Amino acid sequence: MENKTIKELAIELTVETTAICDSIKGRTVFTNQLLRSCSSIGANTHEAKYAQSTPDFISKLEIALKECYETEYWLEVLFKVNSIDETTYKHLINECGTIRRKLIASITTTKKKRNV
């Protein structure tokens, strides 16, 4: 398995989620929220690359982490209202988990380096 960046993983997740949301009818409130939070993960990660300072970098990654948690919430809601099947739900939650772990590792590493 190739080692993808957080941004690459976030883009893949957004592309997959967009395709799924496009196929869901009658749940626009939920799908719009999901698409916003999901796409925000990659956007904030991309922005972090051009952060003005280390605290700004950490802040942007922490926002991406919060958006990742929110994405998991909306996926669970869509699963509970039977708008996505269990296989799709588990796959997307797994993708979010991978992104979340990478974000946490990046934030932790940056904070440690800053305090050295």
PDB file of N, CA and C in Angstrom:
ATOM      1  N   MET A   1       0.851  -1.188   0.000  1.00  0.00           N
ATOM      2  CA  MET A   1       0.000   0.000   0.000  1.00  0.00           C
ATOM      3  C   MET A   1       0.888   1.240   0.000  1.00  0.00           C
ATOM      4  N   GLU A   2       0.626   2.120  -0.923  1.00  0.00           N
ATOM      5  CA  GLU A   2       1.460   3.314  -0.998  1.00  0.00           C
ATOM      6  C   GLU A   2       1.119   4.267   0.147  1.00  0.00           C
ATOM      7  N   ASN A   3       2.103   5.047   0.535  1.00  0.00           N
ATOM      8  CA  ASN A   3       1.934   5.979   1.643  1.00  0.00           C
ATOM      9  C   ASN A   3       1.451   7.318   1.092  1.00  0.00           C
ATOM     10  N   LYS A   4       0.161   7.550   1.170  1.00  0.00           N
ATOM     11  CA  LYS A   4      -0.435   8.773   0.634  1.00  0.00           C
ATOM     12  C   LYS A   4      -0.432   9.869   1.675  1.00  0.00           C
ATOM     13  N   THR A   5      -0.395  11.107   1.197  1.00  0.00           N
ATOM     14  CA  THR A   5      -0.465  12.251   2.103  1.00  0.00           C
ATOM     15  C   THR A   5      -1.892  12.420   2.607  1.00  0.00           C
ATOM     16  N   ILE A   6      -2.019  13.194   3.662  1.00  0.00           N
ATOM     17  CA  ILE A   6      -3.348  13.493   4.197  1.00  0.00           C
ATOM     18  C   ILE A   6      -4.195  14.160   3.121  1.00  0.00           C
ATOM     19  N   LYS A   7      -3.597  15.090   2.408  1.00  0.00           N
ATOM     20  CA  LYS A   7      -4.330  15.802   1.360  1.00  0.00           C
ATOM     21  C   LYS A   7      -4.824  14.835   0.282  1.00  0.00           C
ATOM     22  N   GLU A   8      -3.969  13.913  -0.149  1.00  0.00           N
ATOM     23  CA  GLU A   8      -4.372  12.937  -1.174  1.00  0.00           C
ATOM     24  C   GLU A   8      -5.524  12.068  -0.673  1.00  0.00           C
ATOM     25  N   LEU A   9      -5.417  11.615   0.571  1.00  0.00           N
ATOM     26  CA  LEU A   9      -6.485  10.804   1.158  1.00  0.00           C
ATOM     27  C   LEU A   9      -7.778  11.594   1.285  1.00  0.00           C
ATOM     28  N   ALA A  10      -7.650  12.859   1.670  1.00  0.00           N
ATOM     29  CA  ALA A  10      -8.831  13.717   1.831  1.00  0.00           C
ATOM     30  C   ALA A  10      -9.519  13.960   0.488  1.00  0.00           C
ATOM     31  N   ILE A  11      -8.741  14.144  -0.552  1.00  0.00           N
ATOM     32  CA  ILE A  11      -9.326  14.329  -1.888  1.00  0.00           C
ATOM     33  C   ILE A  11     -10.056  13.062  -2.325  1.00  0.00           C
ATOM     34  N   GLU A  12      -9.431  11.910  -2.121  1.00  0.00           N
ATOM     35  CA  GLU A  12     -10.084  10.643  -2.471  1.00  0.00           C
ATOM     36  C   GLU A  12     -11.395  10.479  -1.704  1.00  0.00           C
ATOM     37  N   LEU A  13     -11.367  10.791  -0.403  1.00  0.00           N
ATOM     38  CA  LEU A  13     -12.574  10.687   0.418  1.00  0.00           C
ATOM     39  C   LEU A  13     -13.654  11.632  -0.099  1.00  0.00           C
ATOM     40  N   THR A  14     -13.267  12.838  -0.456  1.00  0.00           N
ATOM     41  CA  THR A  14     -14.235  13.814  -0.963  1.00  0.00           C
ATOM     42  C   THR A  14     -14.836  13.357  -2.287  1.00  0.00           C
ATOM     43  N   VAL A  15     -14.022  12.808  -3.159  1.00  0.00           N
ATOM     44  CA  VAL A  15     -14.514  12.318  -4.451  1.00  0.00           C
ATOM     45  C   VAL A  15     -15.506  11.170  -4.235  1.00  0.00           C
ATOM     46  N   GLU A  16     -15.146  10.216  -3.379  1.00  0.00           N
ATOM     47  CA  GLU A  16     -16.045   9.091  -3.095  1.00  0.00           C
ATOM     48  C   GLU A  16     -17.350   9.570  -2.453  1.00  0.00           C
ATOM     49  N   THR A  17     -17.222  10.464  -1.483  1.00  0.00           N
ATOM     50  CA  THR A  17     -18.388  10.968  -0.762  1.00  0.00           C
ATOM     51  C   THR A  17     -19.306  11.756  -1.688  1.00  0.00           C
ATOM     52  N   THR A  18     -18.727  12.528  -2.584  1.00  0.00           N
ATOM     53  CA  THR A  18     -19.526  13.297  -3.544  1.00  0.00           C
ATOM     54  C   THR A  18     -20.354  12.371  -4.415  1.00  0.00           C
ATOM     55  N   ALA A  19     -19.734  11.308  -4.908  1.00  0.00           N
ATOM     56  CA  ALA A  19     -20.459  10.354  -5.753  1.00  0.00           C
ATOM     57  C   ALA A  19     -21.611   9.712  -4.972  1.00  0.00           C
ATOM     58  N   ILE A  20     -21.362   9.376  -3.734  1.00  0.00           N
ATOM     59  CA  ILE A  20     -22.404   8.760  -2.915  1.00  0.00           C
ATOM     60  C   ILE A  20     -23.524   9.759  -2.628  1.00  0.00           C
ATOM     61  N   CYS A  21     -23.150  10.967  -2.252  1.00  0.00           N
ATOM     62  CA  CYS A  21     -24.162  11.992  -1.948  1.00  0.00           C
ATOM     63  C   CYS A  21     -25.007  12.323  -3.170  1.00  0.00           C
ATOM     64  N   ASP A  22     -24.395  12.301  -4.349  1.00  0.00           N
ATOM     65  CA  ASP A  22     -25.141  12.565  -5.582  1.00  0.00           C
ATOM     66  C   ASP A  22     -26.231  11.518  -5.818  1.00  0.00           C
ATOM     67  N   SER A  23     -26.029  10.317  -5.283  1.00  0.00           N
ATOM     68  CA  SER A  23     -27.010   9.245  -5.496  1.00  0.00           C
ATOM     69  C   SER A  23     -28.087   9.194  -4.408  1.00  0.00           C
ATOM     70  N   ILE A  24     -27.917   9.966  -3.337  1.00  0.00           N
ATOM     71  CA  ILE A  24     -28.885   9.957  -2.235  1.00  0.00           C
ATOM     72  C   ILE A  24     -29.950  11.012  -2.503  1.00  0.00           C
ATOM     73  N   LYS A  25     -31.184  10.585  -2.489  1.00  0.00           N
ATOM     74  CA  LYS A  25     -32.299  11.512  -2.726  1.00  0.00           C
ATOM     75  C   LYS A  25     -33.012  11.799  -1.408  1.00  0.00           C
ATOM     76  N   GLY A  26     -33.470  13.027  -1.244  1.00  0.00           N
ATOM     77  CA  GLY A  26     -34.295  13.383  -0.100  1.00  0.00           C
ATOM     78  C   GLY A  26     -33.574  13.624   1.208  1.00  0.00           C
ATOM     79  N   ARG A  27     -32.286  13.677   1.199  1.00  0.00           N
ATOM     80  CA  ARG A  27     -31.505  13.898   2.427  1.00  0.00           C
ATOM     81  C   ARG A  27     -30.515  15.056   2.245  1.00  0.00           C
ATOM     82  N   THR A  28     -30.939  16.073   1.511  1.00  0.00           N
ATOM     83  CA  THR A  28     -30.019  17.166   1.177  1.00  0.00           C
ATOM     84  C   THR A  28     -29.427  17.864   2.389  1.00  0.00           C
ATOM     85  N   VAL A  29     -30.180  17.991   3.450  1.00  0.00           N
ATOM     86  CA  VAL A  29     -29.638  18.641   4.652  1.00  0.00           C
ATOM     87  C   VAL A  29     -28.422  17.859   5.143  1.00  0.00           C
ATOM     88  N   PHE A  30     -28.556  16.535   5.201  1.00  0.00           N
ATOM     89  CA  PHE A  30     -27.453  15.702   5.680  1.00  0.00           C
ATOM     90  C   PHE A  30     -26.304  15.638   4.675  1.00  0.00           C
ATOM     91  N   THR A  31     -26.634  15.451   3.398  1.00  0.00           N
ATOM     92  CA  THR A  31     -25.574  15.318   2.398  1.00  0.00           C
ATOM     93  C   THR A  31     -24.797  16.621   2.221  1.00  0.00           C
ATOM     94  N   ASN A  32     -25.478  17.762   2.311  1.00  0.00           N
ATOM     95  CA  ASN A  32     -24.770  19.042   2.212  1.00  0.00           C
ATOM     96  C   ASN A  32     -23.797  19.217   3.369  1.00  0.00           C
ATOM     97  N   GLN A  33     -24.237  18.861   4.578  1.00  0.00           N
ATOM     98  CA  GLN A  33     -23.359  18.967   5.747  1.00  0.00           C
ATOM     99  C   GLN A  33     -22.157  18.037   5.598  1.00  0.00           C
ATOM    100  N   LEU A  34     -22.420  16.824   5.128  1.00  0.00           N
ATOM    101  CA  LEU A  34     -21.345  15.852   4.926  1.00  0.00           C
ATOM    102  C   LEU A  34     -20.331  16.358   3.906  1.00  0.00           C
ATOM    103  N   LEU A  35     -20.816  16.874   2.799  1.00  0.00           N
ATOM    104  CA  LEU A  35     -19.899  17.371   1.768  1.00  0.00           C
ATOM    105  C   LEU A  35     -19.079  18.563   2.253  1.00  0.00           C
ATOM    106  N   ARG A  36     -19.689  19.422   3.050  1.00  0.00           N
ATOM    107  CA  ARG A  36     -18.952  20.569   3.589  1.00  0.00           C
ATOM    108  C   ARG A  36     -17.834  20.125   4.525  1.00  0.00           C
ATOM    109  N   SER A  37     -18.181  19.253   5.466  1.00  0.00           N
ATOM    110  CA  SER A  37     -17.167  18.820   6.434  1.00  0.00           C
ATOM    111  C   SER A  37     -16.084  17.989   5.755  1.00  0.00           C
ATOM    112  N   CYS A  38     -16.488  17.104   4.876  1.00  0.00           N
ATOM    113  CA  CYS A  38     -15.538  16.241   4.188  1.00  0.00           C
ATOM    114  C   CYS A  38     -14.549  17.045   3.338  1.00  0.00           C
ATOM    115  N   SER A  39     -15.070  17.960   2.547  1.00  0.00           N
ATOM    116  CA  SER A  39     -14.184  18.757   1.682  1.00  0.00           C
ATOM    117  C   SER A  39     -13.311  19.707   2.485  1.00  0.00           C
ATOM    118  N   SER A  40     -13.745  20.075   3.664  1.00  0.00           N
ATOM    119  CA  SER A  40     -12.968  20.974   4.514  1.00  0.00           C
ATOM    120  C   SER A  40     -11.700  20.311   5.063  1.00  0.00           C
ATOM    121  N   ILE A  41     -11.713  18.994   5.181  1.00  0.00           N
ATOM    122  CA  ILE A  41     -10.523  18.288   5.667  1.00  0.00           C
ATOM    123  C   ILE A  41      -9.343  18.586   4.746  1.00  0.00           C
ATOM    124  N   GLY A  42      -9.545  18.352   3.467  1.00  0.00           N
ATOM    125  CA  GLY A  42      -8.475  18.579   2.493  1.00  0.00           C
ATOM    126  C   GLY A  42      -8.120  20.046   2.339  1.00  0.00           C
ATOM    127  N   ALA A  43      -9.139  20.903   2.372  1.00  0.00           N
ATOM    128  CA  ALA A  43      -8.885  22.335   2.210  1.00  0.00           C
ATOM    129  C   ALA A  43      -8.009  22.868   3.348  1.00  0.00           C
ATOM    130  N   ASN A  44      -8.314  22.475   4.573  1.00  0.00           N
ATOM    131  CA  ASN A  44      -7.514  22.944   5.707  1.00  0.00           C
ATOM    132  C   ASN A  44      -6.117  22.333   5.715  1.00  0.00           C
ATOM    133  N   THR A  45      -6.013  21.095   5.289  1.00  0.00           N
ATOM    134  CA  THR A  45      -4.699  20.457   5.180  1.00  0.00           C
ATOM    135  C   THR A  45      -3.853  21.165   4.126  1.00  0.00           C
ATOM    136  N   HIS A  46      -4.481  21.503   3.026  1.00  0.00           N
ATOM    137  CA  HIS A  46      -3.770  22.222   1.964  1.00  0.00           C
ATOM    138  C   HIS A  46      -3.340  23.606   2.453  1.00  0.00           C
ATOM    139  N   GLU A  47      -4.233  24.285   3.158  1.00  0.00           N
ATOM    140  CA  GLU A  47      -3.907  25.602   3.711  1.00  0.00           C
ATOM    141  C   GLU A  47      -2.755  25.532   4.694  1.00  0.00           C
ATOM    142  N   ALA A  48      -2.692  24.458   5.466  1.00  0.00           N
ATOM    143  CA  ALA A  48      -1.638  24.305   6.474  1.00  0.00           C
ATOM    144  C   ALA A  48      -0.251  24.333   5.841  1.00  0.00           C
ATOM    145  N   LYS A  49      -0.177  23.878   4.616  1.00  0.00           N
ATOM    146  CA  LYS A  49       1.103  23.868   3.896  1.00  0.00           C
ATOM    147  C   LYS A  49       1.684  25.285   3.783  1.00  0.00           C
ATOM    148  N   TYR A  50       0.808  26.275   3.766  1.00  0.00           N
ATOM    149  CA  TYR A  50       1.239  27.663   3.622  1.00  0.00           C
ATOM    150  C   TYR A  50       0.956  28.480   4.879  1.00  0.00           C
ATOM    151  N   ALA A  51       1.007  27.806   6.017  1.00  0.00           N
ATOM    152  CA  ALA A  51       0.746  28.476   7.293  1.00  0.00           C
ATOM    153  C   ALA A  51       1.782  29.562   7.545  1.00  0.00           C
ATOM    154  N   GLN A  52       1.352  30.592   8.266  1.00  0.00           N
ATOM    155  CA  GLN A  52       2.231  31.720   8.555  1.00  0.00           C
ATOM    156  C   GLN A  52       3.194  31.434   9.701  1.00  0.00           C
ATOM    157  N   SER A  53       2.867  30.432  10.511  1.00  0.00           N
ATOM    158  CA  SER A  53       3.702  30.090  11.661  1.00  0.00           C
ATOM    159  C   SER A  53       3.384  28.665  12.086  1.00  0.00           C
ATOM    160  N   THR A  54       4.180  28.140  12.992  1.00  0.00           N
ATOM    161  CA  THR A  54       3.923  26.801  13.513  1.00  0.00           C
ATOM    162  C   THR A  54       2.572  26.732  14.228  1.00  0.00           C
ATOM    163  N   PRO A  55       2.232  27.707  15.087  1.00  0.00           N
ATOM    164  CA  PRO A  55       0.894  27.649  15.702  1.00  0.00           C
ATOM    165  C   PRO A  55      -0.231  27.695  14.661  1.00  0.00           C
ATOM    166  N   ASP A  56      -0.051  28.458  13.589  1.00  0.00           N
ATOM    167  CA  ASP A  56      -1.047  28.525  12.524  1.00  0.00           C
ATOM    168  C   ASP A  56      -1.159  27.170  11.827  1.00  0.00           C
ATOM    169  N   PHE A  57      -0.021  26.521  11.588  1.00  0.00           N
ATOM    170  CA  PHE A  57       0.014  25.193  10.979  1.00  0.00           C
ATOM    171  C   PHE A  57      -0.764  24.199  11.845  1.00  0.00           C
ATOM    172  N   ILE A  58      -0.479  24.199  13.139  1.00  0.00           N
ATOM    173  CA  ILE A  58      -1.156  23.302  14.071  1.00  0.00           C
ATOM    174  C   ILE A  58      -2.653  23.589  14.085  1.00  0.00           C
ATOM    175  N   SER A  59      -3.006  24.852  14.114  1.00  0.00           N
ATOM    176  CA  SER A  59      -4.414  25.242  14.139  1.00  0.00           C
ATOM    177  C   SER A  59      -5.166  24.717  12.921  1.00  0.00           C
ATOM    178  N   LYS A  60      -4.576  24.836  11.753  1.00  0.00           N
ATOM    179  CA  LYS A  60      -5.235  24.376  10.532  1.00  0.00           C
ATOM    180  C   LYS A  60      -5.390  22.855  10.534  1.00  0.00           C
ATOM    181  N   LEU A  61      -4.384  22.138  11.035  1.00  0.00           N
ATOM    182  CA  LEU A  61      -4.506  20.693  11.126  1.00  0.00           C
ATOM    183  C   LEU A  61      -5.554  20.295  12.166  1.00  0.00           C
ATOM    184  N   GLU A  62      -5.639  21.052  13.248  1.00  0.00           N
ATOM    185  CA  GLU A  62      -6.662  20.767  14.266  1.00  0.00           C
ATOM    186  C   GLU A  62      -8.074  21.018  13.726  1.00  0.00           C
ATOM    187  N   ILE A  63      -8.226  22.031  12.886  1.00  0.00           N
ATOM    188  CA  ILE A  63      -9.518  22.276  12.241  1.00  0.00           C
ATOM    189  C   ILE A  63      -9.849  21.107  11.308  1.00  0.00           C
ATOM    190  N   ALA A  64      -8.858  20.641  10.548  1.00  0.00           N
ATOM    191  CA  ALA A  64      -9.068  19.494   9.663  1.00  0.00           C
ATOM    192  C   ALA A  64      -9.482  18.270  10.478  1.00  0.00           C
ATOM    193  N   LEU A  65      -8.886  18.089  11.644  1.00  0.00           N
ATOM    194  CA  LEU A  65      -9.229  16.976  12.523  1.00  0.00           C
ATOM    195  C   LEU A  65     -10.683  17.081  12.998  1.00  0.00           C
ATOM    196  N   LYS A  66     -11.093  18.279  13.390  1.00  0.00           N
ATOM    197  CA  LYS A  66     -12.484  18.484  13.803  1.00  0.00           C
ATOM    198  C   LYS A  66     -13.446  18.188  12.654  1.00  0.00           C
ATOM    199  N   GLU A  67     -13.085  18.596  11.459  1.00  0.00           N
ATOM    200  CA  GLU A  67     -13.920  18.337  10.284  1.00  0.00           C
ATOM    201  C   GLU A  67     -13.990  16.840   9.985  1.00  0.00           C
ATOM    202  N   CYS A  68     -12.915  16.133  10.252  1.00  0.00           N
ATOM    203  CA  CYS A  68     -12.892  14.688  10.066  1.00  0.00           C
ATOM    204  C   CYS A  68     -13.878  14.020  11.029  1.00  0.00           C
ATOM    205  N   TYR A  69     -13.865  14.451  12.286  1.00  0.00           N
ATOM    206  CA  TYR A  69     -14.823  13.933  13.269  1.00  0.00           C
ATOM    207  C   TYR A  69     -16.259  14.251  12.839  1.00  0.00           C
ATOM    208  N   GLU A  70     -16.473  15.459  12.322  1.00  0.00           N
ATOM    209  CA  GLU A  70     -17.813  15.831  11.872  1.00  0.00           C
ATOM    210  C   GLU A  70     -18.241  14.971  10.687  1.00  0.00           C
ATOM    211  N   THR A  71     -17.326  14.692   9.791  1.00  0.00           N
ATOM    212  CA  THR A  71     -17.615  13.835   8.646  1.00  0.00           C
ATOM    213  C   THR A  71     -18.073  12.454   9.116  1.00  0.00           C
ATOM    214  N   GLU A  72     -17.390  11.919  10.122  1.00  0.00           N
ATOM    215  CA  GLU A  72     -17.787  10.623  10.672  1.00  0.00           C
ATOM    216  C   GLU A  72     -19.206  10.686  11.249  1.00  0.00           C
ATOM    217  N   TYR A  73     -19.545  11.791  11.877  1.00  0.00           N
ATOM    218  CA  TYR A  73     -20.889  11.960  12.434  1.00  0.00           C
ATOM    219  C   TYR A  73     -21.945  11.899  11.329  1.00  0.00           C
ATOM    220  N   TRP A  74     -21.748  12.683  10.257  1.00  0.00           N
ATOM    221  CA  TRP A  74     -22.741  12.709   9.178  1.00  0.00           C
ATOM    222  C   TRP A  74     -22.833  11.379   8.454  1.00  0.00           C
ATOM    223  N   LEU A  75     -21.720  10.673   8.338  1.00  0.00           N
ATOM    224  CA  LEU A  75     -21.765   9.333   7.757  1.00  0.00           C
ATOM    225  C   LEU A  75     -22.612   8.404   8.621  1.00  0.00           C
ATOM    226  N   GLU A  76     -22.448   8.514   9.939  1.00  0.00           N
ATOM    227  CA  GLU A  76     -23.253   7.687  10.843  1.00  0.00           C
ATOM    228  C   GLU A  76     -24.739   8.021  10.723  1.00  0.00           C
ATOM    229  N   VAL A  77     -25.050   9.303  10.637  1.00  0.00           N
ATOM    230  CA  VAL A  77     -26.456   9.706  10.478  1.00  0.00           C
ATOM    231  C   VAL A  77     -27.032   9.099   9.200  1.00  0.00           C
ATOM    232  N   LEU A  78     -26.320   9.225   8.096  1.00  0.00           N
ATOM    233  CA  LEU A  78     -26.809   8.684   6.826  1.00  0.00           C
ATOM    234  C   LEU A  78     -26.954   7.166   6.883  1.00  0.00           C
ATOM    235  N   PHE A  79     -26.060   6.514   7.596  1.00  0.00           N
ATOM    236  CA  PHE A  79     -26.176   5.068   7.767  1.00  0.00           C
ATOM    237  C   PHE A  79     -27.413   4.727   8.606  1.00  0.00           C
ATOM    238  N   LYS A  80     -27.631   5.461   9.685  1.00  0.00           N
ATOM    239  CA  LYS A  80     -28.757   5.181  10.593  1.00  0.00           C
ATOM    240  C   LYS A  80     -30.119   5.453   9.941  1.00  0.00           C
ATOM    241  N   VAL A  81     -30.163   6.376   8.987  1.00  0.00           N
ATOM    242  CA  VAL A  81     -31.433   6.640   8.292  1.00  0.00           C
ATOM    243  C   VAL A  81     -31.530   5.828   6.988  1.00  0.00           C
ATOM    244  N   ASN A  82     -30.648   4.837   6.874  1.00  0.00           N
ATOM    245  CA  ASN A  82     -30.656   3.892   5.739  1.00  0.00           C
ATOM    246  C   ASN A  82     -30.408   4.550   4.380  1.00  0.00           C
ATOM    247  N   SER A  83     -29.612   5.596   4.359  1.00  0.00           N
ATOM    248  CA  SER A  83     -29.278   6.240   3.087  1.00  0.00           C
ATOM    249  C   SER A  83     -27.985   5.687   2.485  1.00  0.00           C
ATOM    250  N   ILE A  84     -27.159   5.055   3.314  1.00  0.00           N
ATOM    251  CA  ILE A  84     -25.972   4.352   2.807  1.00  0.00           C
ATOM    252  C   ILE A  84     -25.941   2.962   3.442  1.00  0.00           C
ATOM    253  N   ASP A  85     -25.435   2.010   2.694  1.00  0.00           N
ATOM    254  CA  ASP A  85     -25.388   0.638   3.206  1.00  0.00           C
ATOM    255  C   ASP A  85     -24.199   0.446   4.148  1.00  0.00           C
ATOM    256  N   GLU A  86     -24.208  -0.660   4.835  1.00  0.00           N
ATOM    257  CA  GLU A  86     -23.182  -0.925   5.853  1.00  0.00           C
ATOM    258  C   GLU A  86     -21.778  -1.018   5.268  1.00  0.00           C
ATOM    259  N   THR A  87     -21.649  -1.641   4.114  1.00  0.00           N
ATOM    260  CA  THR A  87     -20.334  -1.778   3.481  1.00  0.00           C
ATOM    261  C   THR A  87     -19.747  -0.405   3.149  1.00  0.00           C
ATOM    262  N   THR A  88     -20.554   0.447   2.546  1.00  0.00           N
ATOM    263  CA  THR A  88     -20.117   1.806   2.205  1.00  0.00           C
ATOM    264  C   THR A  88     -19.776   2.585   3.462  1.00  0.00           C
ATOM    265  N   TYR A  89     -20.646   2.489   4.457  1.00  0.00           N
ATOM    266  CA  TYR A  89     -20.424   3.179   5.732  1.00  0.00           C
ATOM    267  C   TYR A  89     -19.092   2.761   6.347  1.00  0.00           C
ATOM    268  N   LYS A  90     -18.857   1.475   6.463  1.00  0.00           N
ATOM    269  CA  LYS A  90     -17.623   0.988   7.086  1.00  0.00           C
ATOM    270  C   LYS A  90     -16.390   1.414   6.289  1.00  0.00           C
ATOM    271  N   HIS A  91     -16.502   1.372   4.968  1.00  0.00           N
ATOM    272  CA  HIS A  91     -15.379   1.784   4.119  1.00  0.00           C
ATOM    273  C   HIS A  91     -15.037   3.264   4.352  1.00  0.00           C
ATOM    274  N   LEU A  92     -16.048   4.128   4.333  1.00  0.00           N
ATOM    275  CA  LEU A  92     -15.807   5.565   4.493  1.00  0.00           C
ATOM    276  C   LEU A  92     -15.334   5.896   5.912  1.00  0.00           C
ATOM    277  N   ILE A  93     -15.880   5.211   6.909  1.00  0.00           N
ATOM    278  CA  ILE A  93     -15.435   5.421   8.294  1.00  0.00           C
ATOM    279  C   ILE A  93     -13.972   4.998   8.432  1.00  0.00           C
ATOM    280  N   ASN A  94     -13.588   3.917   7.765  1.00  0.00           N
ATOM    281  CA  ASN A  94     -12.205   3.471   7.779  1.00  0.00           C
ATOM    282  C   ASN A  94     -11.287   4.511   7.136  1.00  0.00           C
ATOM    283  N   GLU A  95     -11.748   5.088   6.014  1.00  0.00           N
ATOM    284  CA  GLU A  95     -10.971   6.145   5.349  1.00  0.00           C
ATOM    285  C   GLU A  95     -10.789   7.351   6.288  1.00  0.00           C
ATOM    286  N   CYS A  96     -11.869   7.736   6.951  1.00  0.00           N
ATOM    287  CA  CYS A  96     -11.792   8.839   7.914  1.00  0.00           C
ATOM    288  C   CYS A  96     -10.814   8.503   9.041  1.00  0.00           C
ATOM    289  N   GLY A  97     -10.869   7.267   9.507  1.00  0.00           N
ATOM    290  CA  GLY A  97      -9.969   6.836  10.578  1.00  0.00           C
ATOM    291  C   GLY A  97      -8.511   6.951  10.185  1.00  0.00           C
ATOM    292  N   THR A  98      -8.206   6.582   8.963  1.00  0.00           N
ATOM    293  CA  THR A  98      -6.826   6.704   8.464  1.00  0.00           C
ATOM    294  C   THR A  98      -6.395   8.167   8.448  1.00  0.00           C
ATOM    295  N   ILE A  99      -7.252   9.024   7.933  1.00  0.00           N
ATOM    296  CA  ILE A  99      -6.951  10.458   7.887  1.00  0.00           C
ATOM    297  C   ILE A  99      -6.795  11.007   9.304  1.00  0.00           C
ATOM    298  N   ARG A 100      -7.717  10.624  10.189  1.00  0.00           N
ATOM    299  CA  ARG A 100      -7.692  11.115  11.569  1.00  0.00           C
ATOM    300  C   ARG A 100      -6.381  10.729  12.261  1.00  0.00           C
ATOM    301  N   ARG A 101      -5.967   9.473  12.109  1.00  0.00           N
ATOM    302  CA  ARG A 101      -4.710   9.030  12.738  1.00  0.00           C
ATOM    303  C   ARG A 101      -3.508   9.805  12.197  1.00  0.00           C
ATOM    304  N   LYS A 102      -3.501  10.053  10.893  1.00  0.00           N
ATOM    305  CA  LYS A 102      -2.394  10.815  10.300  1.00  0.00           C
ATOM    306  C   LYS A 102      -2.398  12.263  10.790  1.00  0.00           C
ATOM    307  N   LEU A 103      -3.570  12.845  10.902  1.00  0.00           N
ATOM    308  CA  LEU A 103      -3.662  14.218  11.411  1.00  0.00           C
ATOM    309  C   LEU A 103      -3.171  14.289  12.858  1.00  0.00           C
ATOM    310  N   ILE A 104      -3.621  13.360  13.682  1.00  0.00           N
ATOM    311  CA  ILE A 104      -3.200  13.344  15.087  1.00  0.00           C
ATOM    312  C   ILE A 104      -1.686  13.179  15.182  1.00  0.00           C
ATOM    313  N   ALA A 105      -1.116  12.282  14.385  1.00  0.00           N
ATOM    314  CA  ALA A 105       0.335  12.077  14.396  1.00  0.00           C
ATOM    315  C   ALA A 105       1.076  13.342  13.965  1.00  0.00           C
ATOM    316  N   SER A 106       0.574  14.018  12.944  1.00  0.00           N
ATOM    317  CA  SER A 106       1.219  15.250  12.470  1.00  0.00           C
ATOM    318  C   SER A 106       1.144  16.356  13.514  1.00  0.00           C
ATOM    319  N   ILE A 107      -0.007  16.488  14.132  1.00  0.00           N
ATOM    320  CA  ILE A 107      -0.182  17.514  15.166  1.00  0.00           C
ATOM    321  C   ILE A 107       0.731  17.224  16.355  1.00  0.00           C
ATOM    322  N   THR A 108       0.750  15.985  16.800  1.00  0.00           N
ATOM    323  CA  THR A 108       1.580  15.587  17.949  1.00  0.00           C
ATOM    324  C   THR A 108       3.055  15.813  17.657  1.00  0.00           C
ATOM    325  N   THR A 109       3.505  15.390  16.490  1.00  0.00           N
ATOM    326  CA  THR A 109       4.912  15.561  16.105  1.00  0.00           C
ATOM    327  C   THR A 109       5.293  17.036  16.052  1.00  0.00           C
ATOM    328  N   THR A 110       4.431  17.842  15.453  1.00  0.00           N
ATOM    329  CA  THR A 110       4.731  19.279  15.336  1.00  0.00           C
ATOM    330  C   THR A 110       4.787  19.934  16.698  1.00  0.00           C
ATOM    331  N   LYS A 111       3.862  19.574  17.579  1.00  0.00           N
ATOM    332  CA  LYS A 111       3.860  20.145  18.935  1.00  0.00           C
ATOM    333  C   LYS A 111       5.111  19.759  19.700  1.00  0.00           C
ATOM    334  N   LYS A 112       5.548  18.493  19.546  1.00  0.00           N
ATOM    335  CA  LYS A 112       6.778  18.026  20.219  1.00  0.00           C
ATOM    336  C   LYS A 112       7.992  18.773  19.697  1.00  0.00           C
ATOM    337  N   LYS A 113       8.091  18.934  18.385  1.00  0.00           N
ATOM    338  CA  LYS A 113       9.223  19.650  17.786  1.00  0.00           C
ATOM    339  C   LYS A 113       9.277  21.091  18.237  1.00  0.00           C
ATOM    340  N   ARG A 114       8.085  21.684  18.393  1.00  0.00           N
ATOM    341  CA  ARG A 114       8.001  23.079  18.808  1.00  0.00           C
ATOM    342  C   ARG A 114       8.490  23.275  20.246  1.00  0.00           C
ATOM    343  N   ASN A 115       8.293  22.243  21.077  1.00  0.00           N
ATOM    344  CA  ASN A 115       8.679  22.343  22.477  1.00  0.00           C
ATOM    345  C   ASN A 115      10.083  21.847  22.774  1.00  0.00           C
ATOM    346  N   VAL A 116      10.817  21.454  21.733  1.00  0.00           N
ATOM    347  CA  VAL A 116      12.197  20.955  21.935  1.00  0.00           C
ATOM    348  C   VAL A 116      13.137  22.097  22.160  1.00  0.00           C
TER     349      VAL A 116
END
